[in-house]
Amino acid sequence: MDRRESLKALALSALVSGVIVGGCKSNNSKDNIEESLTKSTIDRTPEEEKADALLQSVKFFTVEEMATISVLCDIIIPRDEISGNASDAKVPDFIEFIVKDMPAHQTPVRGGLRWLDLECIKRYQKSFTLCEPKQRLALIDEIAYPDKAKPQMLRGVSFFNLMRNLTASGFYTSQIGIKDLNYMGNVPNQWNGVPNEVLNQYGYAYTDKELKECISYSANT
């Protein structure tokens, strides 16, 4: 599966809306965009800061569950020549936070992880993380394509759809994901004025005073 290209299209609209607040700043350099993804640049009430701190202070997933999430996320978004994988982008930590912030995800994700392990034990007599890579992919291929999935795999399909969405959201709002999309944020236009051929066509020209007062941008600026 060409997972990256399909996920880019899926996540781009969400990415733009998520970064737009930081993009309104006048000093919106690439470094500033990346900084906005690692810490909040939005005014927070004391209550909101307290709630976030509480979520960060507790753990929901077990060590074993986090290991399964990491393996699954890296199958969805693997490392390539462009950037790192989902784990490099700390997507498992993102999912840990999301299920605490949005408790409705807790049962579907935990239940799906359990389903994944039980299916692997039934097939290969070992849990998902202990399976060979080709064994994991064989199972994932059966739940990654809803239109082709067998009826008995619908629970796995639902779980994988949720994990794919969470992984895409976490990856493409991370520093690594931003670089992978080559999203630069809002940058000032560099305009050298109306081209001479257009001015000549209509019988206009810039005065010497206008040319001296205007800033000319070169390709190296």
C-alpha atoms as a PDB file:
ATOM      1  CA  MET A   1       0.000   0.000   0.000  1.00  0.00           C
ATOM      2  CA  ASP A   2       1.210   3.524  -0.802  1.00  0.00           C
ATOM      3  CA  ARG A   3       0.119   4.703   2.604  1.00  0.00           C
ATOM      4  CA  ARG A   4       1.899   8.038   2.675  1.00  0.00           C
ATOM      5  CA  GLU A   5       0.352   9.564  -0.438  1.00  0.00           C
ATOM      6  CA  SER A   6      -3.188   8.616   0.522  1.00  0.00           C
ATOM      7  CA  LEU A   7      -2.713   9.843   4.083  1.00  0.00           C
ATOM      8  CA  LYS A   8      -1.314  13.180   2.926  1.00  0.00           C
ATOM      9  CA  ALA A   9      -4.534  13.964   1.100  1.00  0.00           C
ATOM     10  CA  LEU A  10      -6.583  12.771   4.065  1.00  0.00           C
ATOM     11  CA  ALA A  11      -4.755  14.888   6.640  1.00  0.00           C
ATOM     12  CA  LEU A  12      -3.978  18.093   4.754  1.00  0.00           C
ATOM     13  CA  SER A  13      -7.311  19.842   5.376  1.00  0.00           C
ATOM     14  CA  ALA A  14      -7.155  19.071   9.082  1.00  0.00           C
ATOM     15  CA  LEU A  15      -3.540  20.169   9.190  1.00  0.00           C
ATOM     16  CA  VAL A  16      -4.251  23.584   7.654  1.00  0.00           C
ATOM     17  CA  SER A  17      -7.091  24.309  10.064  1.00  0.00           C
ATOM     18  CA  GLY A  18      -4.957  23.207  13.008  1.00  0.00           C
ATOM     19  CA  VAL A  19      -2.037  25.483  12.154  1.00  0.00           C
ATOM     20  CA  ILE A  20      -4.039  28.500  11.011  1.00  0.00           C
ATOM     21  CA  VAL A  21      -3.981  30.227  14.411  1.00  0.00           C
ATOM     22  CA  GLY A  22      -0.189  30.178  14.497  1.00  0.00           C
ATOM     23  CA  GLY A  23      -0.129  31.199  10.831  1.00  0.00           C
ATOM     24  CA  CYS A  24      -1.715  34.560  11.621  1.00  0.00           C
ATOM     25  CA  LYS A  25       1.480  35.758  13.309  1.00  0.00           C
ATOM     26  CA  SER A  26       3.625  38.213  11.374  1.00  0.00           C
ATOM     27  CA  ASN A  27       6.882  36.412  12.230  1.00  0.00           C
ATOM     28  CA  ASN A  28       5.602  33.108  10.864  1.00  0.00           C
ATOM     29  CA  SER A  29       8.887  31.460   9.896  1.00  0.00           C
ATOM     30  CA  LYS A  30       9.302  27.709   9.471  1.00  0.00           C
ATOM     31  CA  ASP A  31      10.908  27.503  12.920  1.00  0.00           C
ATOM     32  CA  ASN A  32       7.945  29.315  14.465  1.00  0.00           C
ATOM     33  CA  ILE A  33       5.515  26.901  12.831  1.00  0.00           C
ATOM     34  CA  GLU A  34       7.410  23.915  14.210  1.00  0.00           C
ATOM     35  CA  GLU A  35       7.563  25.515  17.661  1.00  0.00           C
ATOM     36  CA  SER A  36       3.792  25.996  17.622  1.00  0.00           C
ATOM     37  CA  LEU A  37       3.371  22.247  17.161  1.00  0.00           C
ATOM     38  CA  THR A  38       5.375  21.360  20.250  1.00  0.00           C
ATOM     39  CA  LYS A  39       3.853  23.829  22.684  1.00  0.00           C
ATOM     40  CA  SER A  40       0.644  25.793  22.829  1.00  0.00           C
ATOM     41  CA  THR A  41       0.791  29.291  21.365  1.00  0.00           C
ATOM     42  CA  ILE A  42      -2.892  29.930  22.087  1.00  0.00           C
ATOM     43  CA  ASP A  43      -4.045  31.762  25.204  1.00  0.00           C
ATOM     44  CA  ARG A  44      -5.263  29.182  27.714  1.00  0.00           C
ATOM     45  CA  THR A  45      -7.404  29.678  30.778  1.00  0.00           C
ATOM     46  CA  PRO A  46      -6.046  28.396  34.090  1.00  0.00           C
ATOM     47  CA  GLU A  47      -8.767  25.734  34.040  1.00  0.00           C
ATOM     48  CA  GLU A  48      -7.649  24.505  30.593  1.00  0.00           C
ATOM     49  CA  GLU A  49      -4.002  24.394  31.626  1.00  0.00           C
ATOM     50  CA  LYS A  50      -4.931  22.460  34.754  1.00  0.00           C
ATOM     51  CA  ALA A  51      -7.010  19.974  32.744  1.00  0.00           C
ATOM     52  CA  ASP A  52      -4.168  19.376  30.280  1.00  0.00           C
ATOM     53  CA  ALA A  53      -1.670  18.907  33.091  1.00  0.00           C
ATOM     54  CA  LEU A  54      -3.977  16.331  34.674  1.00  0.00           C
ATOM     55  CA  LEU A  55      -4.266  14.395  31.411  1.00  0.00           C
ATOM     56  CA  GLN A  56      -0.494  14.368  31.036  1.00  0.00           C
ATOM     57  CA  SER A  57       0.014  13.133  34.593  1.00  0.00           C
ATOM     58  CA  VAL A  58      -1.886   9.846  34.226  1.00  0.00           C
ATOM     59  CA  LYS A  59      -1.456   6.843  31.927  1.00  0.00           C
ATOM     60  CA  PHE A  60      -4.276   4.998  30.210  1.00  0.00           C
ATOM     61  CA  PHE A  61      -2.576   2.355  28.071  1.00  0.00           C
ATOM     62  CA  THR A  62      -0.394  -0.365  29.517  1.00  0.00           C
ATOM     63  CA  VAL A  63       3.206  -0.832  28.381  1.00  0.00           C
ATOM     64  CA  GLU A  64       2.115  -3.779  26.236  1.00  0.00           C
ATOM     65  CA  GLU A  65      -0.705  -1.789  24.643  1.00  0.00           C
ATOM     66  CA  MET A  66       1.642   1.089  23.843  1.00  0.00           C
ATOM     67  CA  ALA A  67       4.025  -1.368  22.188  1.00  0.00           C
ATOM     68  CA  THR A  68       1.197  -2.663  19.997  1.00  0.00           C
ATOM     69  CA  ILE A  69       0.124   0.871  19.128  1.00  0.00           C
ATOM     70  CA  SER A  70       3.692   1.736  18.124  1.00  0.00           C
ATOM     71  CA  VAL A  71       4.004  -1.270  15.810  1.00  0.00           C
ATOM     72  CA  LEU A  72       0.594  -0.625  14.243  1.00  0.00           C
ATOM     73  CA  CYS A  73       1.229   3.100  13.740  1.00  0.00           C
ATOM     74  CA  ASP A  74       4.540   2.344  12.021  1.00  0.00           C
ATOM     75  CA  ILE A  75       2.767  -0.041   9.662  1.00  0.00           C
ATOM     76  CA  ILE A  76       0.336   2.745   8.775  1.00  0.00           C
ATOM     77  CA  ILE A  77       3.079   5.357   8.332  1.00  0.00           C
ATOM     78  CA  PRO A  78       6.476   3.680   7.888  1.00  0.00           C
ATOM     79  CA  ARG A  79       9.841   5.384   7.700  1.00  0.00           C
ATOM     80  CA  ASP A  80      10.978   6.294   4.184  1.00  0.00           C
ATOM     81  CA  GLU A  81      13.594   8.416   2.415  1.00  0.00           C
ATOM     82  CA  ILE A  82      11.605  11.572   3.152  1.00  0.00           C
ATOM     83  CA  SER A  83      11.025  11.339   6.887  1.00  0.00           C
ATOM     84  CA  GLY A  84      10.693   9.134   9.919  1.00  0.00           C
ATOM     85  CA  ASN A  85       7.836   6.845  10.851  1.00  0.00           C
ATOM     86  CA  ALA A  86       4.866   7.425  13.129  1.00  0.00           C
ATOM     87  CA  SER A  87       6.822   6.479  16.249  1.00  0.00           C
ATOM     88  CA  ASP A  88       9.550   8.978  15.355  1.00  0.00           C
ATOM     89  CA  ALA A  89       6.802  11.609  15.277  1.00  0.00           C
ATOM     90  CA  LYS A  90       5.606  10.459  18.749  1.00  0.00           C
ATOM     91  CA  VAL A  91       2.220   9.418  17.386  1.00  0.00           C
ATOM     92  CA  PRO A  92       1.718   6.776  20.128  1.00  0.00           C
ATOM     93  CA  ASP A  93       2.026   9.543  22.746  1.00  0.00           C
ATOM     94  CA  PHE A  94      -0.485  11.585  20.761  1.00  0.00           C
ATOM     95  CA  ILE A  95      -2.965   8.694  20.777  1.00  0.00           C
ATOM     96  CA  GLU A  96      -2.418   8.205  24.517  1.00  0.00           C
ATOM     97  CA  PHE A  97      -3.340  11.857  25.065  1.00  0.00           C
ATOM     98  CA  ILE A  98      -6.322  11.799  22.695  1.00  0.00           C
ATOM     99  CA  VAL A  99      -8.040   8.835  24.347  1.00  0.00           C
ATOM    100  CA  LYS A 100      -7.734  10.569  27.715  1.00  0.00           C
ATOM    101  CA  ASP A 101      -8.987  13.867  26.302  1.00  0.00           C
ATOM    102  CA  MET A 102     -11.769  12.115  24.340  1.00  0.00           C
ATOM    103  CA  PRO A 103     -12.811   9.137  26.476  1.00  0.00           C
ATOM    104  CA  ALA A 104     -15.231   7.865  23.822  1.00  0.00           C
ATOM    105  CA  HIS A 105     -12.154   6.480  22.022  1.00  0.00           C
ATOM    106  CA  GLN A 106     -10.958   4.433  25.000  1.00  0.00           C
ATOM    107  CA  THR A 107     -13.140   1.357  24.618  1.00  0.00           C
ATOM    108  CA  PRO A 108     -12.880   1.137  20.790  1.00  0.00           C
ATOM    109  CA  VAL A 109      -9.081   1.445  20.855  1.00  0.00           C
ATOM    110  CA  ARG A 110      -8.469  -0.869  23.811  1.00  0.00           C
ATOM    111  CA  GLY A 111     -10.987  -3.376  22.478  1.00  0.00           C
ATOM    112  CA  GLY A 112      -9.382  -3.224  19.037  1.00  0.00           C
ATOM    113  CA  LEU A 113      -5.937  -3.866  20.463  1.00  0.00           C
ATOM    114  CA  ARG A 114      -7.321  -6.893  22.275  1.00  0.00           C
ATOM    115  CA  TRP A 115      -8.986  -8.095  19.062  1.00  0.00           C
ATOM    116  CA  LEU A 116      -5.677  -7.747  17.216  1.00  0.00           C
ATOM    117  CA  ASP A 117      -3.835  -9.875  19.773  1.00  0.00           C
ATOM    118  CA  LEU A 118      -6.540 -12.553  19.905  1.00  0.00           C
ATOM    119  CA  GLU A 119      -6.624 -12.809  16.115  1.00  0.00           C
ATOM    120  CA  CYS A 120      -2.844 -13.251  16.018  1.00  0.00           C
ATOM    121  CA  ILE A 121      -2.913 -15.822  18.804  1.00  0.00           C
ATOM    122  CA  LYS A 122      -5.586 -17.749  16.915  1.00  0.00           C
ATOM    123  CA  ARG A 123      -3.528 -17.691  13.714  1.00  0.00           C
ATOM    124  CA  TYR A 124       0.074 -17.722  14.889  1.00  0.00           C
ATOM    125  CA  GLN A 125      -0.078 -18.639  18.600  1.00  0.00           C
ATOM    126  CA  LYS A 126       1.507 -15.342  19.640  1.00  0.00           C
ATOM    127  CA  SER A 127       0.527 -11.723  20.184  1.00  0.00           C
ATOM    128  CA  PHE A 128       0.663  -9.055  17.487  1.00  0.00           C
ATOM    129  CA  THR A 129       3.982  -7.561  18.593  1.00  0.00           C
ATOM    130  CA  LEU A 130       5.655 -10.985  18.672  1.00  0.00           C
ATOM    131  CA  CYS A 131       4.541 -11.933  15.175  1.00  0.00           C
ATOM    132  CA  GLU A 132       6.828 -11.749  12.169  1.00  0.00           C
ATOM    133  CA  PRO A 133       6.408  -8.567  10.052  1.00  0.00           C
ATOM    134  CA  LYS A 134       4.890 -10.552   7.173  1.00  0.00           C
ATOM    135  CA  GLN A 135       2.374 -12.130   9.564  1.00  0.00           C
ATOM    136  CA  ARG A 136       1.337  -8.707  10.865  1.00  0.00           C
ATOM    137  CA  LEU A 137       0.925  -7.330   7.354  1.00  0.00           C
ATOM    138  CA  ALA A 138      -1.115 -10.347   6.293  1.00  0.00           C
ATOM    139  CA  LEU A 139      -3.639  -9.560   9.010  1.00  0.00           C
ATOM    140  CA  ILE A 140      -3.579  -5.804   8.439  1.00  0.00           C
ATOM    141  CA  ASP A 141      -4.229  -6.275   4.730  1.00  0.00           C
ATOM    142  CA  GLU A 142      -7.463  -8.055   5.659  1.00  0.00           C
ATOM    143  CA  ILE A 143      -8.780  -5.063   7.621  1.00  0.00           C
ATOM    144  CA  ALA A 144      -7.213  -2.105   5.795  1.00  0.00           C
ATOM    145  CA  TYR A 145      -9.587  -2.249   2.801  1.00  0.00           C
ATOM    146  CA  PRO A 146     -13.225  -2.050   3.968  1.00  0.00           C
ATOM    147  CA  ASP A 147     -14.678  -2.883   0.545  1.00  0.00           C
ATOM    148  CA  LYS A 148     -12.684  -6.109   0.356  1.00  0.00           C
ATOM    149  CA  ALA A 149     -12.940  -7.200   3.990  1.00  0.00           C
ATOM    150  CA  LYS A 150     -14.801 -10.356   4.932  1.00  0.00           C
ATOM    151  CA  PRO A 151     -17.882  -9.963   7.178  1.00  0.00           C
ATOM    152  CA  GLN A 152     -16.142 -11.629  10.128  1.00  0.00           C
ATOM    153  CA  MET A 153     -13.398  -8.991   9.958  1.00  0.00           C
ATOM    154  CA  LEU A 154     -15.687  -5.956  10.326  1.00  0.00           C
ATOM    155  CA  ARG A 155     -14.675  -5.370  13.934  1.00  0.00           C
ATOM    156  CA  GLY A 156     -11.056  -5.229  12.866  1.00  0.00           C
ATOM    157  CA  VAL A 157     -11.944  -2.923   9.973  1.00  0.00           C
ATOM    158  CA  SER A 158     -13.642  -0.470  12.324  1.00  0.00           C
ATOM    159  CA  PHE A 159     -10.667  -0.525  14.676  1.00  0.00           C
ATOM    160  CA  PHE A 160      -8.137  -0.043  11.880  1.00  0.00           C
ATOM    161  CA  ASN A 161     -10.091   2.875  10.414  1.00  0.00           C
ATOM    162  CA  LEU A 162      -9.995   4.602  13.790  1.00  0.00           C
ATOM    163  CA  MET A 163      -6.280   3.940  14.250  1.00  0.00           C
ATOM    164  CA  ARG A 164      -5.503   5.121  10.727  1.00  0.00           C
ATOM    165  CA  ASN A 165      -7.329   8.395  11.381  1.00  0.00           C
ATOM    166  CA  LEU A 166      -5.629   8.926  14.732  1.00  0.00           C
ATOM    167  CA  THR A 167      -2.225   8.092  13.266  1.00  0.00           C
ATOM    168  CA  ALA A 168      -2.683  10.482  10.357  1.00  0.00           C
ATOM    169  CA  SER A 169      -3.840  13.256  12.675  1.00  0.00           C
ATOM    170  CA  GLY A 170      -0.915  12.738  15.038  1.00  0.00           C
ATOM    171  CA  PHE A 171       1.726  12.409  12.338  1.00  0.00           C
ATOM    172  CA  TYR A 172       0.690  15.314  10.129  1.00  0.00           C
ATOM    173  CA  THR A 173       0.428  17.746  13.030  1.00  0.00           C
ATOM    174  CA  SER A 174       3.937  16.878  14.238  1.00  0.00           C
ATOM    175  CA  GLN A 175       7.212  18.510  13.234  1.00  0.00           C
ATOM    176  CA  ILE A 176       8.115  15.481  11.128  1.00  0.00           C
ATOM    177  CA  GLY A 177       4.723  15.470   9.432  1.00  0.00           C
ATOM    178  CA  ILE A 178       4.877  19.185   8.650  1.00  0.00           C
ATOM    179  CA  LYS A 179       8.224  18.646   6.931  1.00  0.00           C
ATOM    180  CA  ASP A 180       6.866  15.583   5.125  1.00  0.00           C
ATOM    181  CA  LEU A 181       4.061  17.720   3.658  1.00  0.00           C
ATOM    182  CA  ASN A 182       6.482  20.584   2.975  1.00  0.00           C
ATOM    183  CA  TYR A 183       3.904  22.922   4.508  1.00  0.00           C
ATOM    184  CA  MET A 184       5.508  26.321   5.106  1.00  0.00           C
ATOM    185  CA  GLY A 185       2.569  28.224   6.572  1.00  0.00           C
ATOM    186  CA  ASN A 186       1.666  31.784   5.658  1.00  0.00           C
ATOM    187  CA  VAL A 187       4.653  33.659   4.232  1.00  0.00           C
ATOM    188  CA  PRO A 188       4.812  37.244   2.884  1.00  0.00           C
ATOM    189  CA  ASN A 189       4.512  37.688  -0.839  1.00  0.00           C
ATOM    190  CA  GLN A 190       7.562  38.798  -2.783  1.00  0.00           C
ATOM    191  CA  TRP A 191       6.350  41.040  -5.607  1.00  0.00           C
ATOM    192  CA  ASN A 192       8.601  43.062  -7.859  1.00  0.00           C
ATOM    193  CA  GLY A 193       5.778  45.028  -9.374  1.00  0.00           C
ATOM    194  CA  VAL A 194       4.058  44.862 -12.725  1.00  0.00           C
ATOM    195  CA  PRO A 195       6.288  43.264 -15.408  1.00  0.00           C
ATOM    196  CA  ASN A 196       7.833  45.697 -17.854  1.00  0.00           C
ATOM    197  CA  GLU A 197       6.160  44.066 -20.839  1.00  0.00           C
ATOM    198  CA  VAL A 198       2.744  44.674 -19.293  1.00  0.00           C
ATOM    199  CA  LEU A 199       3.582  48.270 -18.427  1.00  0.00           C
ATOM    200  CA  ASN A 200       4.819  48.879 -21.968  1.00  0.00           C
ATOM    201  CA  GLN A 201       1.675  47.345 -23.424  1.00  0.00           C
ATOM    202  CA  TYR A 202      -0.490  49.937 -21.682  1.00  0.00           C
ATOM    203  CA  GLY A 203       1.928  52.840 -21.966  1.00  0.00           C
ATOM    204  CA  TYR A 204       2.933  53.026 -18.340  1.00  0.00           C
ATOM    205  CA  ALA A 205       6.273  53.003 -16.539  1.00  0.00           C
ATOM    206  CA  TYR A 206       7.566  53.304 -13.001  1.00  0.00           C
ATOM    207  CA  THR A 207       9.246  56.609 -12.169  1.00  0.00           C
ATOM    208  CA  ASP A 208      12.829  56.699 -10.929  1.00  0.00           C
ATOM    209  CA  LYS A 209      11.525  57.768  -7.519  1.00  0.00           C
ATOM    210  CA  GLU A 210       9.191  54.754  -7.320  1.00  0.00           C
ATOM    211  CA  LEU A 211      11.944  52.370  -8.321  1.00  0.00           C
ATOM    212  CA  LYS A 212      14.314  53.765  -5.690  1.00  0.00           C
ATOM    213  CA  GLU A 213      11.728  53.589  -2.922  1.00  0.00           C
ATOM    214  CA  CYS A 214      10.535  50.068  -3.695  1.00  0.00           C
ATOM    215  CA  ILE A 215      12.284  46.910  -2.474  1.00  0.00           C
ATOM    216  CA  SER A 216      13.369  44.537  -5.200  1.00  0.00           C
ATOM    217  CA  TYR A 217      13.394  40.847  -4.309  1.00  0.00           C
ATOM    218  CA  SER A 218      15.947  38.626  -5.956  1.00  0.00           C
ATOM    219  CA  ALA A 219      15.809  34.856  -6.305  1.00  0.00           C
ATOM    220  CA  ASN A 220      18.340  34.548  -3.478  1.00  0.00           C
ATOM    221  CA  THR A 221      16.387  36.649  -0.983  1.00  0.00           C
END
